[in-house]
């Protein structure tokens, strides 16, 4: 953890990740609060990579505090020149890749997966109109 700033410039952080940006990569230091375990996190990453291959994650390393915590570091290509995607465009995109909108905003399913938290702060659109889901919660149905 002493060398975490070597990953890059600190970026936006959320409930489960601190981010660091270096050139074309964003590193996410995951504290396991949402997933609860490394195995569940890696399973979620595998599902993300299956559903959203344009924003696939790769495992980079482990960090943590000696004798107290372990935190996986994931890396993802940085989506440049992008902004949050309007929810209506997210709904259209998710329908195009085979997901039905559930009763709550940002919640979708396709018979195999339940995907949620697919909202503007987690979905980016670049200047060409391409949509990138950079973070979502996922579970197998």
Protein backbone atom coordinates (compact mmCIF):
# COMPACT_ATOMS: atom_id res chain seq x y z
CA UNK A 1 0.00 0.00 0.00
CA UNK A 2 2.99 2.28 0.56
CA UNK A 3 3.62 2.33 -3.22
CA UNK A 4 0.03 2.66 -4.44
CA UNK A 5 0.70 6.15 -5.82
CA UNK A 6 3.18 4.53 -8.21
CA UNK A 7 0.12 3.32 -10.13
CA UNK A 8 -0.65 6.84 -11.33
CA UNK A 9 -2.57 9.98 -10.52
CA UNK A 10 -5.42 9.45 -8.03
CA UNK A 11 -8.80 9.57 -9.73
CA UNK A 12 -12.41 9.37 -8.60
CA UNK A 13 -13.12 6.87 -5.87
CA UNK A 14 -16.28 5.11 -4.82
CA UNK A 15 -17.55 2.70 -2.21
CA UNK A 16 -15.40 -0.20 -3.36
CA UNK A 17 -12.57 1.23 -5.46
CA UNK A 18 -9.86 3.85 -5.27
CA UNK A 19 -8.70 4.67 -8.79
CA UNK A 20 -5.37 5.72 -10.24
CA UNK A 21 -4.82 6.85 -13.83
CA UNK A 22 -1.62 6.34 -15.79
CA UNK A 23 -1.53 7.09 -19.53
CA UNK A 24 -4.15 4.82 -21.14
CA UNK A 25 -4.91 2.67 -18.07
CA UNK A 26 -7.10 3.11 -15.01
CA UNK A 27 -6.16 1.01 -12.00
CA UNK A 28 -8.85 0.13 -9.48
CA UNK A 29 -7.77 -0.83 -5.97
CA UNK A 30 -10.72 -2.84 -4.69
CA UNK A 31 -11.43 -3.02 -0.95
CA UNK A 32 -13.86 -5.99 -1.34
CA UNK A 33 -16.70 -4.14 0.46
CA UNK A 34 -19.26 -4.90 -2.26
CA UNK A 35 -18.06 -8.36 -3.26
CA UNK A 36 -17.12 -9.68 0.18
CA UNK A 37 -14.39 -11.99 -1.11
CA UNK A 38 -11.68 -12.20 -3.71
CA UNK A 39 -13.36 -15.18 -5.36
CA UNK A 40 -16.68 -13.33 -5.74
CA UNK A 41 -14.85 -10.29 -7.12
CA UNK A 42 -13.00 -12.40 -9.70
CA UNK A 43 -16.29 -14.09 -10.65
CA UNK A 44 -17.88 -10.66 -11.14
CA UNK A 45 -14.89 -9.59 -13.26
CA UNK A 46 -15.28 -12.69 -15.43
CA UNK A 47 -18.98 -11.93 -15.94
CA UNK A 48 -18.22 -8.27 -16.71
CA UNK A 49 -15.65 -9.33 -19.30
CA UNK A 50 -18.20 -11.66 -20.91
CA UNK A 51 -21.01 -9.09 -21.05
CA UNK A 52 -18.94 -5.94 -21.67
CA UNK A 53 -15.77 -7.04 -23.53
CA UNK A 54 -15.01 -3.48 -24.68
CA UNK A 55 -14.18 -2.56 -21.06
CA UNK A 56 -12.63 -5.81 -19.87
CA UNK A 57 -10.74 -5.94 -16.60
CA UNK A 58 -7.37 -7.57 -16.03
CA UNK A 59 -5.89 -8.55 -12.70
CA UNK A 60 -2.75 -6.48 -12.02
CA UNK A 61 -1.54 -7.23 -8.46
CA UNK A 62 -2.46 -7.37 -4.79
CA UNK A 63 -1.91 -4.64 -2.22
CA UNK A 64 -3.08 -4.08 1.33
CA UNK A 65 -1.96 -3.39 4.86
CA UNK A 66 0.47 -5.92 6.31
CA UNK A 67 -1.34 -8.52 8.37
CA UNK A 68 -4.72 -6.76 8.10
CA UNK A 69 -6.10 -6.53 4.58
CA UNK A 70 -5.59 -7.70 1.04
CA UNK A 71 -6.90 -5.70 -1.89
CA UNK A 72 -6.79 -6.79 -5.52
CA UNK A 73 -5.71 -4.22 -8.09
CA UNK A 74 -7.54 -4.45 -11.41
CA UNK A 75 -6.71 -2.54 -14.54
CA UNK A 76 -8.92 -1.41 -17.38
CA UNK A 77 -8.30 0.62 -20.53
CA UNK A 78 -9.07 4.28 -19.91
CA UNK A 79 -11.99 5.61 -21.94
CA UNK A 80 -10.71 8.97 -23.13
CA UNK A 81 -12.71 12.04 -24.11
CA UNK A 82 -15.87 10.62 -22.58
CA UNK A 83 -18.70 11.80 -20.40
CA UNK A 84 -21.53 10.13 -18.46
CA UNK A 85 -24.14 8.54 -20.70
CA UNK A 86 -27.80 9.66 -20.43
CA UNK A 87 -30.00 6.93 -18.92
CA UNK A 88 -32.19 6.67 -22.04
CA UNK A 89 -29.08 5.86 -24.10
CA UNK A 90 -28.04 3.27 -21.50
CA UNK A 91 -31.49 1.66 -21.72
CA UNK A 92 -31.20 1.52 -25.52
CA UNK A 93 -27.68 0.09 -25.37
CA UNK A 94 -28.62 -2.60 -22.85
CA UNK A 95 -31.62 -3.60 -25.01
CA UNK A 96 -29.34 -3.81 -28.05
CA UNK A 97 -27.08 -6.32 -26.26
CA UNK A 98 -30.06 -8.45 -25.19
CA UNK A 99 -31.03 -7.15 -21.74
CA UNK A 100 -34.51 -6.22 -20.55
CA UNK A 101 -35.00 -3.28 -18.22
CA UNK A 102 -36.31 -4.26 -14.80
CA UNK A 103 -38.56 -2.11 -12.59
CA UNK A 104 -35.69 -0.07 -11.10
CA UNK A 105 -33.58 2.44 -13.01
CA UNK A 106 -30.26 0.91 -14.05
CA UNK A 107 -31.37 -2.71 -13.43
CA UNK A 108 -31.46 -5.21 -16.29
CA UNK A 109 -31.64 -8.95 -16.90
CA UNK A 110 -31.34 -11.32 -19.82
CA UNK A 111 -32.34 -14.67 -18.35
CA UNK A 112 -28.74 -15.55 -17.43
CA UNK A 113 -27.53 -12.43 -15.65
CA UNK A 114 -28.89 -9.69 -13.45
CA UNK A 115 -26.97 -6.43 -13.98
CA UNK A 116 -27.53 -3.30 -11.91
CA UNK A 117 -25.96 0.04 -11.07
CA UNK A 118 -25.81 0.65 -14.84
CA UNK A 119 -26.31 4.38 -14.47
CA UNK A 120 -24.61 7.48 -15.93
CA UNK A 121 -21.69 7.56 -13.47
CA UNK A 122 -20.77 3.98 -14.46
CA UNK A 123 -21.38 4.22 -18.21
CA UNK A 124 -19.40 6.52 -20.47
CA UNK A 125 -20.04 7.75 -24.00
CA UNK A 126 -17.18 9.01 -26.15
CA UNK A 127 -17.34 11.75 -28.75
CA UNK A 128 -18.14 9.17 -31.46
CA UNK A 129 -21.22 8.05 -29.51
CA UNK A 130 -19.73 4.70 -28.48
CA UNK A 131 -20.96 3.51 -25.07
CA UNK A 132 -18.70 1.87 -22.47
CA UNK A 133 -19.95 0.22 -19.28
CA UNK A 134 -16.96 0.73 -16.99
CA UNK A 135 -18.52 -0.47 -13.75
CA UNK A 136 -21.62 -2.52 -12.97
CA UNK A 137 -22.85 -4.97 -10.39
CA UNK A 138 -23.51 -8.41 -11.86
CA UNK A 139 -24.77 -11.76 -10.66
CA UNK A 140 -25.81 -14.98 -12.30
CA UNK A 141 -29.54 -15.73 -12.18
